[in-house]
Amino acid sequence: MPNVILDDYQIDAVNRMKNGCILCGDVGSGKSRTALAYYEKDFREHGSSMPLYIITTAKKRDTKEWPEECEPFGMPFVGDIVVDSWNNIEKYVGVSDAFFIFDEQRVVGSGAWVKCFLKIVKKNRWILLSATPGDTWKDYIPVFIANGFYKNRTQFVHEHIVYSQFTNFPKIDRYLEQDKLKRYRNQILVKMDYKKRTESKHEDVMVEYDILKYKSLARDMWNPWKCEPIDTAGELCYAQRKVCNSDPSRVEALEKILKKHPKAIIFYNFDYELEILRNFCEERGIMYAEWNGHKHEDVRTLSGDSWVYLSQYSAGAEGWNCITTDTTIFYSQNYSYKTLKQATGRIDRRNTPYDILYYFHLRSFAGIDVAIKRALKEKKQFNEQDYVSSRYSSRKFHAV
């Protein structure tokens, strides 16, 4: 492996890896490099006619992060290596006798991506990379099937899942024979023994919100921005979050943070937040760049002692890194613990020059902010329907 030096924990992982495994490492642990080292080893053992296909996020594909990772290995790029996004996985169903690296694990559930994945792995060698491989046993079903532990999802459900009898929709009550499931997981999960050098400091920054306007939303069931009734749980939650996230106190808190930490990544959720953040930067003459559904600007274009990088969670929580700042600000909370975990990893890289990394979480005491915070603390996905059903009666919110 020319020009490639692996850490001891990465070498250990390569030696334990096998076809069909999940390489599990924290964000910033060097999963990409470790995966390529395993491919290089597998390549030598199985001959010279094994092209490499890397299925990754659209952002990682567009920023050409994988070709940069491949370069030190001396790997060719014309015809032998293909890097594409999960959105295009269907294009590769007919490929055979190749090696696939599935980056940022997306094979959860039973949708189109999972169906394509199961077809691909039957005819190729493959591994998966993930910082968060699964929260529940059902998340492992596609990978268990791909490894031949079960014929299909039906067999898994029949052997291991008991559904609740007291709900109107399928809700898992408990799992059976979990010792068997643990054995299967241990067979395929290769954990990287990555000891972080950095210290992460997380701070909740409490901000205000318009209490009267917030309460009026659930009382009147009326959207003041659209001038129309609120009919769904999602609409109510969106409106409540807009009251909280648009409060001027958030900008005031942001300004205080940037005085002490003038270079920062800022994560946000919604377009109205982006407009607030753009105006904030332009009014104060702060250099900024964006990664979202509108613009794809590389963080590396920012330089100097004062700048911010505005990244929308769903577009930019994974697939890139930045070692020129020690600060991330979460302007608003995201519903997903996995997304938050990925977002924190953008500055937490093994080659960062910083010893201490700072994370500031802006949130209010509003009910929805508190509920989201609780779900994230429990490493769960915030559920709008459950939140509204538990907090508001059917009389107030008959459409739930």
Protein backbone atom coordinates (compact mmCIF):
# COMPACT_ATOMS: atom_id res chain seq x y z
CA MET A 1 0.00 0.00 0.00
CA PRO A 2 2.19 2.89 -1.24
CA ASN A 3 2.05 6.13 0.74
CA VAL A 4 -0.54 4.69 3.13
CA ILE A 5 0.11 4.43 6.85
CA LEU A 6 -2.62 2.86 8.96
CA ASP A 7 -3.01 3.22 12.69
CA ASP A 8 -2.86 0.05 14.78
CA TYR A 9 -6.63 -0.03 15.36
CA GLN A 10 -7.20 0.23 11.59
CA ILE A 11 -4.79 -2.62 10.86
CA ASP A 12 -6.57 -4.68 13.50
CA ALA A 13 -9.92 -3.99 11.83
CA VAL A 14 -8.60 -4.97 8.38
CA ASN A 15 -7.38 -8.28 9.78
CA ARG A 16 -10.83 -9.01 11.27
CA MET A 17 -12.86 -7.96 8.24
CA LYS A 18 -14.49 -10.39 5.82
CA ASN A 19 -16.94 -10.37 2.95
CA GLY A 20 -20.35 -9.11 4.04
CA CYS A 21 -19.20 -7.41 7.23
CA ILE A 22 -20.16 -4.03 8.65
CA LEU A 23 -17.15 -1.87 9.48
CA CYS A 24 -18.32 0.15 12.46
CA GLY A 25 -16.28 3.15 13.50
CA ASP A 26 -17.06 6.48 15.06
CA VAL A 27 -17.17 9.53 12.81
CA GLY A 28 -13.61 10.62 12.06
CA SER A 29 -12.09 7.18 12.71
CA GLY A 30 -10.94 6.64 9.12
CA LYS A 31 -13.46 4.05 7.92
CA SER A 32 -12.87 4.96 4.28
CA ARG A 33 -9.14 4.39 4.46
CA THR A 34 -9.61 1.16 6.41
CA ALA A 35 -12.15 -0.09 3.86
CA LEU A 36 -9.77 0.62 0.98
CA ALA A 37 -6.98 -1.21 2.79
CA TYR A 38 -9.26 -4.24 3.12
CA TYR A 39 -10.21 -3.99 -0.58
CA GLU A 40 -6.51 -3.88 -1.49
CA LYS A 41 -5.95 -7.00 0.63
CA ASP A 42 -9.01 -8.75 -0.83
CA PHE A 43 -7.90 -7.72 -4.33
CA ARG A 44 -4.54 -9.46 -3.87
CA GLU A 45 -6.18 -12.62 -2.54
CA HIS A 46 -8.84 -12.96 -5.26
CA GLY A 47 -7.05 -11.87 -8.43
CA SER A 48 -6.65 -8.79 -10.57
CA SER A 49 -10.08 -8.58 -12.25
CA MET A 50 -12.10 -7.06 -9.43
CA PRO A 51 -13.29 -3.50 -10.18
CA LEU A 52 -14.35 -1.34 -7.25
CA TYR A 53 -17.77 0.26 -6.88
CA ILE A 54 -18.36 2.74 -4.05
CA ILE A 55 -21.97 3.62 -3.21
CA THR A 56 -21.98 6.68 -0.98
CA THR A 57 -23.84 9.91 -0.27
CA ALA A 58 -24.44 12.43 -3.04
CA LYS A 59 -22.32 14.97 -1.17
CA LYS A 60 -19.36 12.60 -0.84
CA ARG A 61 -19.63 11.79 -4.53
CA ASP A 62 -19.83 15.44 -5.56
CA THR A 63 -16.94 16.58 -3.37
CA LYS A 64 -14.80 13.69 -4.73
CA GLU A 65 -13.78 12.65 -1.25
CA TRP A 66 -13.45 8.99 -2.22
CA PRO A 67 -11.04 9.57 -5.14
CA GLU A 68 -8.88 11.57 -2.73
CA GLU A 69 -8.92 8.62 -0.33
CA CYS A 70 -8.04 6.23 -3.17
CA GLU A 71 -5.09 8.24 -4.47
CA PRO A 72 -2.52 7.23 -1.79
CA PHE A 73 -3.26 3.58 -2.56
CA GLY A 74 -2.18 4.10 -6.17
CA MET A 75 -5.54 2.97 -7.47
CA PRO A 76 -6.48 3.78 -11.09
CA PHE A 77 -9.62 5.81 -11.74
CA VAL A 78 -10.58 5.14 -15.37
CA GLY A 79 -12.95 2.19 -15.71
CA ASP A 80 -11.81 0.40 -12.58
CA ILE A 81 -13.35 2.57 -9.84
CA VAL A 82 -16.91 3.89 -9.86
CA VAL A 83 -18.17 6.29 -7.19
CA ASP A 84 -21.90 7.01 -7.16
CA SER A 85 -24.71 7.89 -4.76
CA TRP A 86 -27.33 5.71 -3.16
CA ASN A 87 -29.90 7.45 -5.35
CA ASN A 88 -28.40 5.67 -8.36
CA ILE A 89 -27.87 2.21 -6.84
CA GLU A 90 -30.34 0.66 -9.28
CA LYS A 91 -27.84 1.26 -12.12
CA TYR A 92 -25.50 -1.37 -10.66
CA VAL A 93 -27.89 -4.28 -10.13
CA GLY A 94 -26.46 -6.05 -13.19
CA VAL A 95 -22.80 -5.80 -12.08
CA SER A 96 -21.05 -9.06 -11.17
CA ASP A 97 -17.57 -10.19 -10.04
CA ALA A 98 -16.75 -6.81 -8.52
CA PHE A 99 -16.17 -5.38 -5.05
CA PHE A 100 -18.72 -3.00 -3.52
CA ILE A 101 -18.16 -0.61 -0.63
CA PHE A 102 -21.53 0.60 0.67
CA ASP A 103 -20.70 3.81 2.52
CA GLU A 104 -22.91 5.49 5.16
CA GLN A 105 -25.24 2.53 5.64
CA ARG A 106 -28.63 3.03 3.96
CA VAL A 107 -29.94 -0.54 3.85
CA VAL A 108 -32.70 -0.19 6.43
CA GLY A 109 -36.32 -1.12 5.84
CA SER A 110 -37.67 -2.79 2.72
CA GLY A 111 -37.60 -0.08 0.05
CA ALA A 112 -36.03 0.14 -3.40
CA TRP A 113 -32.47 0.63 -2.11
CA VAL A 114 -32.67 -2.51 0.00
CA LYS A 115 -34.03 -4.55 -2.91
CA CYS A 116 -31.19 -3.37 -5.16
CA PHE A 117 -28.64 -4.01 -2.42
CA LEU A 118 -29.82 -7.62 -1.98
CA LYS A 119 -29.55 -8.24 -5.73
CA ILE A 120 -26.04 -6.75 -5.93
CA VAL A 121 -24.56 -8.71 -3.03
CA LYS A 122 -25.55 -12.06 -4.54
CA LYS A 123 -23.05 -11.58 -7.38
CA ASN A 124 -20.28 -9.50 -5.81
CA ARG A 125 -17.98 -9.16 -2.83
CA TRP A 126 -18.98 -6.35 -0.48
CA ILE A 127 -18.72 -4.55 2.85
CA LEU A 128 -20.76 -1.88 4.63
CA LEU A 129 -19.45 1.17 6.48
CA SER A 130 -21.39 2.80 9.30
CA ALA A 131 -20.95 4.85 12.45
CA THR A 132 -24.45 3.84 13.60
CA PRO A 133 -25.26 0.40 12.11
CA GLY A 134 -28.58 -0.20 13.86
CA ASP A 135 -30.73 0.97 16.76
CA THR A 136 -33.04 -2.06 16.77
CA TRP A 137 -32.88 -5.61 15.46
CA LYS A 138 -35.14 -4.80 12.52
CA ASP A 139 -32.43 -2.44 11.22
CA TYR A 140 -30.20 -5.49 10.69
CA ILE A 141 -32.72 -7.52 8.69
CA PRO A 142 -31.38 -6.64 5.18
CA VAL A 143 -27.76 -7.37 6.19
CA PHE A 144 -28.76 -10.63 7.91
CA ILE A 145 -30.55 -11.69 4.71
CA ALA A 146 -27.54 -10.66 2.59
CA ASN A 147 -25.30 -12.88 4.74
CA GLY A 148 -27.63 -15.85 4.33
CA PHE A 149 -28.85 -15.98 7.93
CA TYR A 150 -32.46 -15.70 6.74
CA LYS A 151 -34.14 -16.35 3.39
CA ASN A 152 -36.25 -13.23 3.54
CA ARG A 153 -37.88 -10.66 5.82
CA THR A 154 -40.89 -12.91 6.41
CA GLN A 155 -38.72 -15.61 7.96
CA PHE A 156 -37.08 -13.09 10.29
CA VAL A 157 -40.43 -11.67 11.39
CA HIS A 158 -41.86 -15.15 11.97
CA GLU A 159 -38.91 -16.22 14.15
CA HIS A 160 -38.16 -13.07 16.11
CA ILE A 161 -40.90 -10.42 16.20
CA VAL A 162 -43.98 -10.20 18.40
CA TYR A 163 -46.30 -7.32 17.48
CA SER A 164 -48.39 -5.42 20.00
CA GLN A 165 -52.07 -6.37 20.14
CA PHE A 166 -53.14 -2.97 21.44
CA THR A 167 -52.35 -0.68 18.49
CA ASN A 168 -54.08 0.02 15.19
CA PHE A 169 -50.80 -0.17 13.31
CA PRO A 170 -47.90 -2.69 13.36
CA LYS A 171 -45.82 -1.92 16.46
CA ILE A 172 -43.13 -4.28 17.69
CA ASP A 173 -43.77 -5.35 21.27
CA ARG A 174 -40.66 -7.51 21.74
CA TYR A 175 -38.05 -9.67 20.02
CA LEU A 176 -37.63 -13.43 20.49
CA GLU A 177 -34.36 -15.42 20.64
CA GLN A 178 -32.18 -12.36 21.02
CA ASP A 179 -29.12 -14.48 21.88
CA LYS A 180 -29.26 -15.85 18.34
CA LEU A 181 -29.53 -12.34 16.93
CA LYS A 182 -26.53 -11.23 18.99
CA ARG A 183 -24.45 -14.12 17.61
CA TYR A 184 -25.34 -13.15 14.06
CA ARG A 185 -24.54 -9.50 14.71
CA ASN A 186 -21.19 -10.39 16.28
CA GLN A 187 -20.32 -12.43 13.17
CA ILE A 188 -20.67 -9.45 10.83
CA LEU A 189 -19.93 -6.39 12.98
CA VAL A 190 -16.28 -5.28 13.00
CA LYS A 191 -15.86 -2.48 15.52
CA MET A 192 -12.88 -0.18 15.23
CA ASP A 193 -11.12 0.37 18.55
CA TYR A 194 -10.75 4.10 17.95
CA LYS A 195 -9.60 6.14 20.93
CA LYS A 196 -10.35 9.80 20.33
CA ARG A 197 -7.57 12.27 21.01
CA THR A 198 -9.98 15.19 21.13
CA GLU A 199 -12.25 16.29 23.94
CA SER A 200 -15.79 17.28 22.94
CA LYS A 201 -17.56 19.99 24.93
CA HIS A 202 -21.31 20.28 24.39
CA GLU A 203 -23.24 23.26 25.73
CA ASP A 204 -26.97 23.95 25.63
CA VAL A 205 -27.57 27.63 24.90
CA MET A 206 -31.05 28.53 26.10
CA VAL A 207 -32.97 31.07 24.02
CA GLU A 208 -36.42 32.64 24.22
CA TYR A 209 -39.63 32.16 22.22
CA ASP A 210 -42.95 33.95 21.85
CA ILE A 211 -45.05 32.06 24.41
CA LEU A 212 -48.39 33.64 23.47
CA LYS A 213 -47.93 33.00 19.75
CA TYR A 214 -46.73 29.46 20.47
CA LYS A 215 -49.79 28.63 22.62
CA SER A 216 -52.19 30.12 20.11
CA LEU A 217 -51.16 27.59 17.45
CA ALA A 218 -52.57 24.57 19.30
CA ARG A 219 -55.50 26.55 20.71
CA ASP A 220 -56.72 28.02 17.42
CA MET A 221 -55.30 25.41 15.03
CA TRP A 222 -54.51 28.25 12.62
CA ASN A 223 -51.34 28.84 10.60
CA PRO A 224 -50.68 32.62 10.70
CA TRP A 225 -48.09 32.49 7.87
CA LYS A 226 -50.32 30.64 5.40
CA CYS A 227 -53.62 31.99 6.74
CA GLU A 228 -55.17 28.51 6.73
CA PRO A 229 -56.20 25.84 9.27
CA ILE A 230 -53.64 23.43 10.72
CA ASP A 231 -54.85 19.92 9.86
CA THR A 232 -52.00 17.55 10.69
CA ALA A 233 -49.49 16.81 13.43
CA GLY A 234 -46.66 17.68 11.05
CA GLU A 235 -48.14 21.11 10.30
CA LEU A 236 -48.57 21.90 13.98
CA CYS A 237 -45.00 20.86 14.81
CA TYR A 238 -43.61 22.83 11.88
CA ALA A 239 -45.51 25.94 12.98
CA GLN A 240 -44.40 25.58 16.61
CA ARG A 241 -40.80 25.14 15.53
CA LYS A 242 -41.02 28.21 13.31
CA VAL A 243 -42.12 30.32 16.28
CA CYS A 244 -39.14 29.02 18.27
CA ASN A 245 -36.51 29.05 15.54
CA SER A 246 -37.40 32.51 14.24
CA ASP A 247 -37.11 34.22 17.61
CA PRO A 248 -34.59 37.10 17.57
CA SER A 249 -32.93 35.71 20.69
CA ARG A 250 -31.37 32.96 18.57
CA VAL A 251 -29.50 35.50 16.48
CA GLU A 252 -28.40 37.28 19.65
CA ALA A 253 -27.09 34.01 21.08
CA LEU A 254 -25.34 33.23 17.80
CA GLU A 255 -23.60 36.60 17.81
CA LYS A 256 -22.28 36.03 21.34
CA ILE A 257 -20.91 32.62 20.41
CA LEU A 258 -19.17 33.90 17.29
CA LYS A 259 -17.41 36.64 19.25
CA LYS A 260 -15.52 33.91 21.11
CA HIS A 261 -15.49 31.37 18.26
CA PRO A 262 -15.32 33.39 15.01
CA LYS A 263 -14.95 30.35 12.72
CA ALA A 264 -17.87 27.94 12.91
CA ILE A 265 -19.99 25.36 11.15
CA ILE A 266 -23.70 26.17 11.59
CA PHE A 267 -26.34 23.48 11.08
CA TYR A 268 -29.98 24.38 10.46
CA ASN A 269 -33.18 22.68 9.25
CA PHE A 270 -35.42 25.02 7.29
CA ASP A 271 -35.18 27.59 4.50
CA TYR A 272 -36.53 30.38 6.71
CA GLU A 273 -33.61 29.74 9.06
CA LEU A 274 -31.22 29.97 6.12
CA GLU A 275 -32.62 33.41 5.26
CA ILE A 276 -32.13 34.53 8.86
CA LEU A 277 -28.55 33.25 8.85
CA ARG A 278 -27.74 34.81 5.47
CA ASN A 279 -29.03 38.19 6.65
CA PHE A 280 -27.08 37.84 9.88
CA CYS A 281 -23.83 37.28 7.99
CA GLU A 282 -24.42 39.96 5.37
CA GLU A 283 -25.41 42.63 7.89
CA ARG A 284 -22.22 42.01 9.85
CA GLY A 285 -19.90 41.47 6.91
CA ILE A 286 -19.13 37.88 7.88
CA MET A 287 -17.75 35.64 5.13
CA TYR A 288 -19.96 32.59 4.61
CA ALA A 289 -20.60 29.65 2.31
CA GLU A 290 -23.48 27.18 2.04
CA TRP A 291 -24.23 23.53 1.47
CA ASN A 292 -27.93 22.79 0.99
CA GLY A 293 -30.49 22.05 -1.69
CA HIS A 294 -29.79 25.43 -3.31
CA LYS A 295 -26.00 25.76 -3.23
CA HIS A 296 -23.09 23.33 -3.06
CA GLU A 297 -20.13 25.39 -1.89
CA ASP A 298 -17.06 23.65 -0.49
CA VAL A 299 -16.11 24.56 3.07
CA ARG A 300 -12.49 24.72 1.89
CA THR A 301 -13.29 27.94 0.00
CA LEU A 302 -13.48 29.72 3.36
CA SER A 303 -10.30 31.20 4.80
CA GLY A 304 -9.15 33.77 7.29
CA ASP A 305 -9.93 34.25 10.96
CA SER A 306 -13.69 34.82 10.72
CA TRP A 307 -16.24 32.85 8.68
CA VAL A 308 -19.26 30.55 8.97
CA TYR A 309 -20.35 27.55 6.93
CA LEU A 310 -24.13 27.17 6.69
CA SER A 311 -25.02 23.50 6.33
CA GLN A 312 -28.55 22.14 6.11
CA TYR A 313 -28.88 18.93 8.11
CA SER A 314 -30.38 16.64 5.46
CA ALA A 315 -28.01 17.84 2.74
CA GLY A 316 -24.77 18.18 4.67
CA ALA A 317 -24.73 16.24 7.94
CA GLU A 318 -22.34 13.65 6.50
CA GLY A 319 -19.80 13.01 3.78
CA TRP A 320 -17.34 15.89 4.34
CA ASN A 321 -14.96 17.16 6.98
CA CYS A 322 -13.36 20.36 8.19
CA ILE A 323 -10.19 20.67 10.27
CA THR A 324 -9.89 24.47 10.13
CA THR A 325 -12.34 25.16 12.96
CA ASP A 326 -13.05 23.74 16.40
CA THR A 327 -16.67 24.92 16.63
CA THR A 328 -20.07 23.66 15.51
CA ILE A 329 -23.31 25.52 16.26
CA PHE A 330 -26.68 23.79 16.00
CA TYR A 331 -29.01 26.72 15.27
CA SER A 332 -32.00 24.39 15.63
CA GLN A 333 -32.42 20.78 16.66
CA ASN A 334 -32.85 17.92 14.19
CA TYR A 335 -35.31 15.10 14.79
CA SER A 336 -32.75 12.34 14.22
CA TYR A 337 -30.06 11.25 16.69
CA LYS A 338 -28.16 9.60 13.81
CA THR A 339 -28.15 12.87 11.87
CA LEU A 340 -26.93 14.77 14.93
CA LYS A 341 -24.18 12.18 15.45
CA GLN A 342 -23.04 12.57 11.85
CA ALA A 343 -23.14 16.36 12.08
CA THR A 344 -20.91 16.42 15.17
CA GLY A 345 -18.35 14.38 13.26
CA ARG A 346 -17.71 16.98 10.57
CA ILE A 347 -15.03 18.67 12.72
CA ASP A 348 -14.12 15.65 14.86
CA ARG A 349 -11.49 14.13 12.58
CA ARG A 350 -8.43 12.13 13.49
CA ASN A 351 -6.18 14.73 11.80
CA THR A 352 -7.72 17.83 13.38
CA PRO A 353 -5.09 20.14 14.94
CA TYR A 354 -7.45 20.97 17.83
CA ASP A 355 -7.52 19.19 21.19
CA ILE A 356 -10.89 20.58 22.33
CA LEU A 357 -13.97 20.76 20.10
CA TYR A 358 -16.94 22.98 20.97
CA TYR A 359 -20.60 22.21 20.20
CA PHE A 360 -23.32 24.75 20.95
CA HIS A 361 -26.97 23.60 20.88
CA LEU A 362 -29.49 26.45 20.67
CA ARG A 363 -32.89 25.51 22.10
CA SER A 364 -35.77 27.00 24.07
CA PHE A 365 -37.99 25.81 26.90
CA ALA A 366 -40.91 25.40 24.48
CA GLY A 367 -42.63 22.03 24.73
CA ILE A 368 -41.53 20.85 21.30
CA ASP A 369 -37.88 21.82 21.87
CA VAL A 370 -37.89 19.99 25.19
CA ALA A 371 -39.45 16.89 23.60
CA ILE A 372 -36.92 16.83 20.76
CA LYS A 373 -34.08 17.22 23.23
CA ARG A 374 -35.43 14.29 25.26
CA ALA A 375 -35.66 12.05 22.18
CA LEU A 376 -32.10 12.90 21.13
CA LYS A 377 -30.81 12.23 24.64
CA GLU A 378 -32.42 8.78 24.48
CA LYS A 379 -30.86 8.26 21.02
CA LYS A 380 -34.30 8.07 19.42
CA GLN A 381 -36.02 9.64 16.44
CA PHE A 382 -38.50 12.35 17.44
CA ASN A 383 -42.01 11.37 16.33
CA GLU A 384 -44.42 14.22 15.57
CA GLN A 385 -47.54 12.06 15.70
CA ASP A 386 -46.69 10.62 19.12
CA TYR A 387 -45.77 14.05 20.46
CA VAL A 388 -49.01 15.72 19.36
CA SER A 389 -51.18 12.78 20.42
CA SER A 390 -49.70 12.74 23.92
CA ARG A 391 -49.77 16.51 24.40
CA TYR A 392 -53.06 17.62 22.86
CA SER A 393 -56.50 16.07 23.21
CA SER A 394 -58.53 14.86 20.24
CA ARG A 395 -60.93 17.77 20.86
CA LYS A 396 -58.15 20.24 20.23
CA PHE A 397 -56.57 18.30 17.43
CA HIS A 398 -59.21 16.08 15.87
CA ALA A 399 -57.15 15.43 12.72
CA VAL A 400 -54.43 13.43 14.54
